[in-house]
Protein backbone atom coordinates (compact mmCIF):
# COMPACT_ATOMS: atom_id res chain seq x y z
CA MET A 1 28.58 -6.97 0.15
CA THR A 2 30.61 -3.82 0.64
CA ASP A 3 28.97 -0.47 1.27
CA GLN A 4 27.14 -0.78 -2.04
CA SER A 5 23.70 0.84 -2.18
CA ILE A 6 20.58 -1.28 -2.57
CA LYS A 7 19.86 0.57 -5.80
CA SER A 8 23.19 -0.34 -7.39
CA LEU A 9 23.01 -3.88 -6.04
CA LEU A 10 19.60 -4.50 -7.60
CA ALA A 11 20.70 -2.86 -10.84
CA SER A 12 23.39 -5.54 -11.11
CA SER A 13 21.03 -8.35 -10.03
CA THR A 14 18.08 -8.13 -12.40
CA LEU A 15 15.55 -10.89 -13.00
CA GLU A 16 13.87 -11.60 -16.34
CA LEU A 17 10.15 -11.32 -15.65
CA HIS A 18 8.59 -12.74 -18.84
CA SER A 19 7.86 -16.09 -17.19
CA TYR A 20 6.36 -14.26 -14.24
CA GLU A 21 4.13 -12.22 -16.53
CA GLU A 22 2.75 -15.53 -17.81
CA LEU A 23 2.42 -16.80 -14.24
CA TYR A 24 0.49 -13.65 -13.35
CA LYS A 25 -1.92 -14.32 -16.22
CA HIS A 26 -2.39 -17.86 -14.91
CA PHE A 27 -3.28 -16.62 -11.43
CA HIS A 28 -5.57 -13.96 -12.89
CA SER A 29 -7.52 -16.45 -15.00
CA HIS A 30 -7.71 -19.03 -12.18
CA PRO A 31 -8.94 -17.08 -9.12
CA GLU A 32 -10.33 -18.77 -6.00
CA LEU A 33 -12.62 -17.45 -3.29
CA SER A 34 -11.57 -16.97 0.32
CA LEU A 35 -11.01 -20.27 2.17
CA GLN A 36 -10.96 -22.12 -1.16
CA GLU A 37 -7.45 -21.17 -2.39
CA GLU A 38 -6.37 -24.81 -2.84
CA SER A 39 -5.07 -24.69 -6.43
CA THR A 40 -3.48 -21.27 -5.92
CA ALA A 41 -1.56 -22.52 -2.90
CA ALA A 42 -0.51 -25.68 -4.74
CA THR A 43 0.82 -23.62 -7.68
CA ILE A 44 2.76 -21.38 -5.30
CA ALA A 45 4.27 -24.34 -3.44
CA SER A 46 5.25 -26.03 -6.70
CA HIS A 47 6.92 -22.88 -7.95
CA ILE A 48 8.92 -22.35 -4.76
CA ARG A 49 10.12 -25.95 -4.86
CA SER A 50 11.07 -25.57 -8.54
CA LEU A 51 13.46 -22.74 -7.66
CA ASN A 52 15.72 -25.22 -5.85
CA ALA A 53 16.84 -22.27 -3.78
CA GLY A 54 16.82 -23.88 -0.35
CA TYR A 55 13.48 -22.60 0.91
CA GLU A 56 12.08 -24.65 3.78
CA LEU A 57 8.40 -24.84 2.91
CA HIS A 58 5.47 -25.13 5.33
CA THR A 59 1.99 -25.60 3.90
CA PHE A 60 -1.65 -25.71 5.08
CA ILE A 61 -1.22 -23.09 7.80
CA GLY A 62 -4.55 -21.61 8.85
CA GLY A 63 -6.20 -23.20 5.84
CA HIS A 64 -4.31 -22.91 2.56
CA GLY A 65 -1.63 -20.57 3.89
CA LEU A 66 2.02 -21.35 3.31
CA ALA A 67 5.43 -19.94 4.13
CA GLY A 68 8.93 -20.47 2.79
CA ILE A 69 12.01 -19.88 4.93
CA LEU A 70 15.43 -19.09 3.45
CA LYS A 71 18.15 -19.09 6.09
CA ASN A 72 21.34 -17.30 5.10
CA GLY A 73 23.52 -16.92 8.16
CA PRO A 74 23.18 -14.68 11.20
CA GLY A 75 21.20 -11.48 10.98
CA LYS A 76 17.68 -10.13 11.08
CA THR A 77 14.57 -12.08 10.08
CA VAL A 78 12.31 -10.36 7.54
CA LEU A 79 8.80 -11.53 6.63
CA LEU A 80 7.36 -10.58 3.23
CA ARG A 81 3.65 -11.27 2.83
CA ALA A 82 1.23 -11.66 -0.08
CA ASP A 83 -2.48 -12.50 0.05
CA MET A 84 -4.03 -15.08 -2.29
CA ASP A 85 -7.83 -14.96 -2.36
CA ALA A 86 -10.15 -13.48 -4.99
CA LEU A 87 -13.62 -11.92 -4.97
CA PRO A 88 -17.17 -12.91 -6.01
CA VAL A 89 -17.14 -10.49 -8.97
CA LYS A 90 -17.95 -11.17 -12.63
CA GLU A 91 -15.01 -9.88 -14.63
CA GLN A 92 -15.75 -7.35 -17.37
CA THR A 93 -12.24 -6.25 -18.35
CA GLY A 94 -12.30 -7.90 -21.78
CA LEU A 95 -8.74 -9.17 -21.26
CA GLU A 96 -7.74 -12.27 -23.20
CA TYR A 97 -6.79 -13.86 -19.89
CA ALA A 98 -9.94 -12.68 -18.07
CA SER A 99 -11.43 -15.02 -15.50
CA LYS A 100 -14.37 -17.19 -16.48
CA VAL A 101 -14.28 -19.09 -13.20
CA THR A 102 -17.35 -19.77 -11.07
CA MET A 103 -17.36 -21.27 -7.56
CA ARG A 104 -19.86 -22.04 -4.84
CA ASP A 105 -19.67 -19.67 -1.91
CA ASP A 106 -20.34 -20.47 1.75
CA ASP A 107 -24.08 -20.16 1.15
CA GLY A 108 -23.92 -22.74 -1.64
CA LEU A 109 -24.58 -20.13 -4.31
CA THR A 110 -22.61 -20.23 -7.56
CA LYS A 111 -20.69 -17.00 -8.04
CA SER A 112 -18.38 -15.63 -10.72
CA VAL A 113 -14.88 -15.16 -9.33
CA MET A 114 -12.28 -12.50 -10.20
CA HIS A 115 -8.98 -11.21 -8.90
CA ALA A 116 -10.55 -7.77 -8.65
CA CYS A 117 -8.30 -6.62 -5.82
CA GLY A 118 -4.90 -7.40 -7.32
CA HIS A 119 -3.90 -10.32 -5.12
CA ASP A 120 -2.67 -12.06 -8.27
CA PHE A 121 -0.08 -9.28 -8.55
CA HIS A 122 0.85 -9.72 -4.90
CA ILE A 123 1.45 -13.46 -5.33
CA THR A 124 3.47 -13.07 -8.52
CA SER A 125 5.55 -10.18 -7.17
CA LEU A 126 6.48 -12.15 -4.07
CA LEU A 127 7.37 -15.30 -6.02
CA ALA A 128 9.66 -13.28 -8.29
CA ALA A 129 11.18 -11.50 -5.29
CA ALA A 130 11.77 -14.89 -3.65
CA GLU A 131 13.78 -16.02 -6.67
CA ARG A 132 15.68 -12.76 -7.05
CA LEU A 133 16.66 -12.56 -3.38
CA ALA A 134 17.72 -16.21 -3.36
CA ARG A 135 20.02 -15.55 -6.31
CA MET A 136 21.48 -12.59 -4.43
CA ARG A 137 22.19 -14.43 -1.19
CA ASP A 138 25.90 -13.60 -1.37
CA ASN A 139 24.91 -9.98 -0.86
CA TRP A 140 22.80 -10.29 2.26
CA GLN A 141 22.56 -12.29 5.44
CA GLY A 142 19.82 -13.21 7.85
CA THR A 143 16.55 -15.08 7.31
CA LEU A 144 13.95 -14.35 4.67
CA ILE A 145 10.36 -15.55 5.07
CA VAL A 146 7.97 -15.42 2.13
CA LEU A 147 4.42 -15.87 3.40
CA PHE A 148 1.30 -16.41 1.29
CA GLN A 149 -1.88 -15.72 3.22
CA PRO A 150 -5.40 -17.01 2.52
CA ASN A 151 -8.70 -15.36 3.33
CA GLU A 152 -7.68 -11.72 3.46
CA GLU A 153 -10.91 -10.47 1.89
CA ARG A 154 -12.94 -11.72 4.84
CA GLY A 155 -10.41 -10.61 7.41
CA GLY A 156 -9.62 -14.02 8.90
CA GLY A 157 -6.49 -15.28 7.16
CA ALA A 158 -3.69 -13.68 9.17
CA GLU A 159 -5.31 -14.51 12.51
CA ALA A 160 -6.00 -18.08 11.38
CA MET A 161 -2.35 -18.60 10.43
CA VAL A 162 -1.15 -17.26 13.78
CA LYS A 163 -3.65 -19.38 15.74
CA ASP A 164 -2.64 -22.45 13.72
CA GLY A 165 0.89 -22.24 15.06
CA LEU A 166 2.54 -20.14 12.36
CA TYR A 167 5.31 -19.04 14.70
CA ASP A 168 5.95 -22.58 15.85
CA LYS A 169 6.79 -23.38 12.24
CA ILE A 170 8.71 -20.24 11.20
CA PRO A 171 11.05 -17.90 13.09
CA THR A 172 9.48 -14.85 14.66
CA PRO A 173 10.37 -11.97 12.30
CA ASP A 174 12.12 -8.79 13.33
CA VAL A 175 9.94 -6.93 10.87
CA CYS A 176 6.86 -7.70 8.71
CA LEU A 177 6.51 -6.08 5.29
CA GLY A 178 3.61 -6.08 2.84
CA GLN A 179 2.20 -4.23 -0.14
CA HIS A 180 -0.96 -3.69 -2.18
CA VAL A 181 -1.52 -2.72 -5.80
CA MET A 182 -3.92 0.20 -6.05
CA ALA A 183 -5.56 2.48 -8.63
CA LEU A 184 -2.52 4.76 -8.67
CA LYS A 185 -0.10 5.65 -11.46
CA ALA A 186 1.90 2.56 -12.46
CA GLY A 187 5.53 2.61 -11.41
CA HIS A 188 4.78 4.75 -8.37
CA VAL A 189 4.92 3.70 -4.71
CA GLY A 190 3.51 5.31 -1.58
CA SER A 191 3.71 4.77 2.16
CA THR A 192 3.65 6.74 5.40
CA VAL A 193 4.55 6.54 9.06
CA GLY A 194 1.50 5.85 11.20
CA THR A 195 -1.99 4.86 10.09
CA ILE A 196 -2.08 3.75 6.46
CA MET A 197 -5.35 1.77 6.27
CA SER A 198 -8.67 1.99 8.09
CA GLU A 199 -10.29 -0.26 10.64
CA SER A 200 -13.30 -2.22 9.39
CA ASP A 201 -16.28 -3.78 11.17
CA ARG A 202 -18.68 -5.86 9.12
CA PHE A 203 -22.10 -7.14 10.08
CA LYS A 204 -24.80 -9.49 8.91
CA ILE A 205 -28.14 -8.12 10.07
CA THR A 206 -31.33 -10.16 9.86
CA LEU A 207 -34.68 -8.37 10.12
CA PHE A 208 -37.78 -10.39 10.96
CA GLY A 209 -41.21 -9.64 9.51
CA ARG A 210 -44.35 -11.69 8.85
CA GLY A 211 -44.70 -13.03 5.35
CA GLY A 212 -47.80 -13.44 3.25
CA HIS A 213 -49.52 -12.88 -0.05
CA GLY A 214 -48.27 -10.01 -2.17
CA SER A 215 -51.85 -8.77 -2.60
CA MET A 216 -52.41 -8.52 1.17
CA PRO A 217 -49.61 -6.40 2.65
CA HIS A 218 -51.96 -5.31 5.45
CA ARG A 219 -51.84 -8.88 6.78
CA THR A 220 -48.05 -8.89 6.91
CA VAL A 221 -45.04 -7.09 8.35
CA ASP A 222 -43.02 -6.41 5.22
CA PRO A 223 -39.27 -6.89 5.84
CA VAL A 224 -38.44 -5.27 2.49
CA VAL A 225 -39.96 -1.97 3.57
CA MET A 226 -38.34 -2.38 6.98
CA ALA A 227 -34.93 -3.05 5.43
CA SER A 228 -35.32 -0.13 3.04
CA SER A 229 -35.93 2.22 5.95
CA VAL A 230 -32.90 0.83 7.77
CA VAL A 231 -30.65 1.27 4.73
CA LEU A 232 -31.71 4.88 4.17
CA LYS A 233 -31.27 5.76 7.83
CA LEU A 234 -27.86 4.04 8.12
CA HIS A 235 -26.56 6.26 5.35
CA THR A 236 -27.31 9.36 7.42
CA ILE A 237 -24.90 8.35 10.21
CA VAL A 238 -21.80 9.85 8.62
CA SER A 239 -23.48 13.03 7.40
CA ARG A 240 -25.47 13.72 10.59
CA GLU A 241 -23.69 12.04 13.51
CA VAL A 242 -19.98 12.19 12.67
CA ASP A 243 -17.98 15.42 12.83
CA ALA A 244 -17.17 16.56 9.31
CA ASN A 245 -13.50 16.74 10.33
CA GLU A 246 -13.43 13.03 11.18
CA PHE A 247 -13.34 10.00 8.88
CA ALA A 248 -16.05 7.33 8.69
CA VAL A 249 -17.77 5.30 5.99
CA VAL A 250 -20.95 3.23 6.32
CA THR A 251 -21.79 1.04 3.33
CA VAL A 252 -24.64 -1.40 2.84
CA GLY A 253 -23.17 -3.90 0.38
CA LYS A 254 -26.02 -6.40 0.32
CA LEU A 255 -29.78 -6.38 0.83
CA HIS A 256 -31.65 -9.62 0.21
CA ALA A 257 -35.25 -10.61 0.84
CA GLY A 258 -37.71 -12.97 -0.78
CA HIS A 259 -37.65 -15.07 -3.94
CA THR A 260 -40.48 -13.87 -6.17
CA GLU A 261 -42.71 -10.86 -6.77
CA ASN A 262 -46.04 -12.09 -5.35
CA ILE A 263 -44.82 -13.23 -1.94
CA ILE A 264 -43.94 -10.95 0.94
CA ALA A 265 -40.97 -12.54 2.67
CA ASP A 266 -40.59 -13.42 6.34
CA GLU A 267 -37.18 -11.82 6.75
CA ALA A 268 -34.55 -9.64 5.09
CA GLU A 269 -30.76 -9.72 5.33
CA ILE A 270 -28.50 -6.68 5.22
CA ARG A 271 -24.69 -6.72 5.10
CA VAL A 272 -23.07 -3.58 6.49
CA ASP A 273 -19.44 -2.41 6.32
CA VAL A 274 -18.17 0.31 8.67
CA ARG A 275 -14.75 1.99 8.19
CA THR A 276 -13.14 4.27 10.76
CA GLN A 277 -9.70 5.53 11.79
CA LYS A 278 -10.27 6.53 15.42
CA SER A 279 -11.61 4.39 18.26
CA GLU A 280 -13.99 7.06 19.55
CA VAL A 281 -15.48 7.55 16.06
CA ARG A 282 -15.79 3.79 15.66
CA ASP A 283 -17.70 3.49 18.95
CA ARG A 284 -20.06 6.29 17.94
CA VAL A 285 -20.79 4.81 14.52
CA LEU A 286 -21.28 1.24 15.73
CA ASN A 287 -23.65 2.41 18.48
CA ALA A 288 -25.60 4.36 15.87
CA VAL A 289 -25.87 1.31 13.60
CA ARG A 290 -27.31 -0.81 16.42
CA ARG A 291 -29.66 1.96 17.58
CA ILE A 292 -31.04 2.62 14.08
CA VAL A 293 -31.57 -1.05 13.25
CA ARG A 294 -33.46 -1.74 16.48
CA ALA A 295 -35.52 1.45 16.31
CA GLU A 296 -36.58 0.95 12.69
CA CYS A 297 -37.59 -2.64 13.45
CA GLU A 298 -39.70 -1.52 16.38
CA ALA A 299 -41.28 1.25 14.29
CA SER A 300 -42.13 -1.29 11.58
CA GLY A 301 -43.76 -3.71 14.00
CA ALA A 302 -41.11 -6.42 13.59
CA THR A 303 -42.11 -9.79 15.01
CA LYS A 304 -38.89 -10.06 17.03
CA GLU A 305 -35.62 -8.31 17.74
CA PRO A 306 -33.20 -8.02 14.81
CA LEU A 307 -30.20 -10.34 14.80
CA ILE A 308 -26.95 -8.37 14.49
CA GLU A 309 -23.95 -10.64 13.89
CA LYS A 310 -20.35 -9.58 13.30
CA SER A 311 -19.16 -11.15 10.04
CA ALA A 312 -15.61 -9.78 9.81
CA LYS A 313 -13.20 -7.48 11.63
CA PHE A 314 -10.08 -5.79 10.27
CA PRO A 315 -7.68 -3.91 12.55
CA MET A 316 -6.34 -0.48 11.74
CA SER A 317 -3.10 -0.82 9.77
CA ILE A 318 -0.36 1.22 11.42
CA ASN A 319 3.16 1.54 10.03
CA ASP A 320 5.53 1.47 12.99
CA GLU A 321 8.25 4.09 12.85
CA ALA A 322 10.94 1.45 13.52
CA ALA A 323 10.03 -0.22 10.21
CA ALA A 324 8.59 2.66 8.21
CA LYS A 325 11.47 5.12 8.59
CA PRO A 326 14.15 2.77 7.18
CA ILE A 327 11.75 1.83 4.36
CA GLU A 328 11.11 5.50 3.63
CA ALA A 329 14.84 6.18 3.29
CA ALA A 330 15.44 3.12 1.10
CA PHE A 331 12.42 3.76 -1.15
CA THR A 332 13.36 7.42 -1.54
CA ASP A 333 16.84 6.41 -2.70
CA PHE A 334 15.57 3.68 -5.04
CA PHE A 335 12.37 5.15 -6.51
CA GLY A 336 13.19 8.84 -6.25
CA GLN A 337 10.24 11.05 -7.21
CA ARG A 338 8.16 7.94 -7.89
CA PHE A 339 7.91 7.40 -4.11
CA ASP A 340 5.44 9.35 -1.98
CA PRO A 341 6.48 9.17 1.72
CA ASN A 342 3.29 10.87 2.90
CA ILE A 343 0.56 9.04 1.02
CA ALA A 344 -2.93 9.55 2.40
CA CYS A 345 -4.42 6.90 4.65
CA SER A 346 -6.62 4.56 2.62
CA ASN A 347 -10.31 3.99 3.35
CA ALA A 348 -9.67 0.29 2.65
CA SER A 349 -8.67 -2.26 5.29
CA GLU A 350 -6.19 -5.12 5.72
CA ASP A 351 -5.46 -7.89 8.24
CA PHE A 352 -1.73 -7.99 7.38
CA SER A 353 -0.65 -6.19 10.57
CA ILE A 354 -1.84 -9.10 12.75
CA LEU A 355 1.22 -11.02 11.58
CA GLY A 356 3.35 -8.45 13.40
CA THR A 357 1.19 -7.15 16.23
CA SER A 358 0.50 -10.68 17.48
CA GLN A 359 4.24 -10.97 18.19
CA ASN A 360 4.86 -7.32 19.14
CA ARG A 361 6.91 -6.87 15.98
CA PRO A 362 6.94 -3.73 13.79
CA CYS A 363 5.16 -3.65 10.44
CA CYS A 364 5.35 -1.55 7.31
CA PHE A 365 2.87 -1.61 4.45
CA TRP A 366 2.95 0.32 1.18
CA PHE A 367 0.94 0.82 -2.02
CA PHE A 368 2.12 0.52 -5.61
CA GLY A 369 0.23 1.77 -8.65
CA GLY A 370 -1.20 -0.25 -11.50
CA VAL A 371 -2.74 2.32 -13.86
CA ASP A 372 -1.00 2.84 -17.19
CA GLU A 373 0.86 6.15 -16.92
CA LYS A 374 -0.43 7.57 -20.21
CA THR A 375 -4.02 6.65 -19.34
CA TRP A 376 -3.64 8.21 -15.89
CA GLU A 377 -2.29 11.47 -17.27
CA GLU A 378 -5.01 11.69 -19.93
CA LYS A 379 -7.78 11.17 -17.37
CA GLU A 380 -6.11 13.54 -14.92
CA MET A 381 -5.98 16.31 -17.53
CA ALA A 382 -9.64 15.67 -18.38
CA GLY A 383 -10.60 15.73 -14.69
CA ARG A 384 -12.05 12.22 -14.95
CA LEU A 385 -9.86 10.07 -12.69
CA ALA A 386 -12.78 9.22 -10.40
CA GLU A 387 -15.12 8.42 -13.28
CA ASP A 388 -12.83 6.54 -15.67
CA ILE A 389 -10.15 4.78 -13.59
CA PRO A 390 -11.54 1.49 -12.16
CA VAL A 391 -10.67 0.96 -8.51
CA ASN A 392 -10.07 -2.24 -6.57
CA HIS A 393 -13.15 -4.51 -6.42
CA SER A 394 -14.45 -3.15 -9.72
CA PRO A 395 -15.28 -5.73 -12.45
CA PHE A 396 -13.12 -3.53 -14.72
CA PHE A 397 -10.04 -3.49 -12.45
CA ALA A 398 -7.13 -4.47 -14.72
CA PRO A 399 -3.69 -3.19 -13.70
CA ALA A 400 -1.14 -2.83 -16.50
CA ILE A 401 1.20 -5.83 -16.25
CA GLN A 402 4.23 -3.60 -16.67
CA PRO A 403 5.67 -1.62 -15.04
CA THR A 404 3.36 -2.77 -12.24
CA LEU A 405 4.95 -6.19 -11.80
CA GLN A 406 8.50 -4.83 -11.95
CA THR A 407 7.62 -2.21 -9.35
CA GLY A 408 6.06 -4.79 -7.03
CA VAL A 409 9.13 -7.02 -7.26
CA ASP A 410 11.54 -4.12 -6.79
CA ALA A 411 9.65 -2.80 -3.76
CA LEU A 412 9.72 -6.18 -2.00
CA CYS A 413 13.42 -6.63 -2.71
CA VAL A 414 14.29 -3.13 -1.54
CA GLY A 415 12.18 -3.67 1.57
CA ALA A 416 13.87 -6.96 2.44
CA LEU A 417 17.38 -5.72 1.74
CA THR A 418 16.80 -2.67 3.92
CA PHE A 419 17.02 -5.03 6.89
CA LEU A 420 19.09 -7.91 5.48
CA LYS A 421 22.00 -6.31 3.66
CA ASN A 422 25.40 -7.01 5.17
CA SER A 423 29.07 -6.04 4.97
CA ARG A 424 30.68 -9.30 3.91
């Protein structure tokens, strides 16, 4: 291409998205849990092959991960990534295409499953971008990689793909780009240079008591009472041990003990999620978690030491200046006032950056909104954004299909062309 802007180039290279809106509905109504994304991956692979666009497809990388490579002459190599897995959430959106799926989790328990984090939008946006960029190949040069990652929700998918020889199968990218739909105004995009998402440490903690008859608590060591004390004390860490000027979150997402009301259980299980954005704060909080758990168990007369096992780990997501600055300039030109170049760092976490940091390659990640603009403005005027706008992981999370999908596709195309456009 000549010195034509990305904005004008994309304006002349539109893609009809009706079929992709239907594909999105398919993914939304057919979610799959982490490590079980078999049908999702098969649908993605089939769609890429159906494009007949010359993508070299590699499947079953790190589980159900897959990547398509489109080589288009000399130039940079750009990796675009989408995650595929869903969550154990019972959908309550009332949508006609709402999920009714149930699956067995790793513990053998049957759970309702929902795309409550928007990964269905990520998949669909990347598939549409893959088609659009392939059609535009006369206007760019280099190598495009479209990567679909499993098991993001549990923090293991990116690392598993790398360890399974991802970069023996695909070229090492010059830059890795990714995005996430969020509870922001639809049609809007936000990113920043530096830290954009928090680090996360997750634990499974088992507390050991002595079970017995519900009528004889004096003959037992009740793990429910023990666990309750632990939970209450853990939630004082941020308010009493972390400087109010620093960021930290401690959440107990699960507490399970026993099976019926007249039996005191032998043990209780707690699942804890810690979010931080500085290493020294992380160390302080994790040390406090371990100290509190052990001390409360000792105070309760536990029969043995608690078992504290790490269940997941997400790195801090940092947008490297080498990738983020060019993206900032391109997004500002394309989206105008709909782009926020200084969006606040999210409390949420991602494993996307491992795809780049494992190869010492720069990364850039951004957010795009999914909340209907009129709804957002009404709730904002009423001062009820926090109360009435469902966030990711909510059973009511239901991004507006448009302009959310168009924005996701546009952002990926702009991001790729920022590094691939040429002067043919």
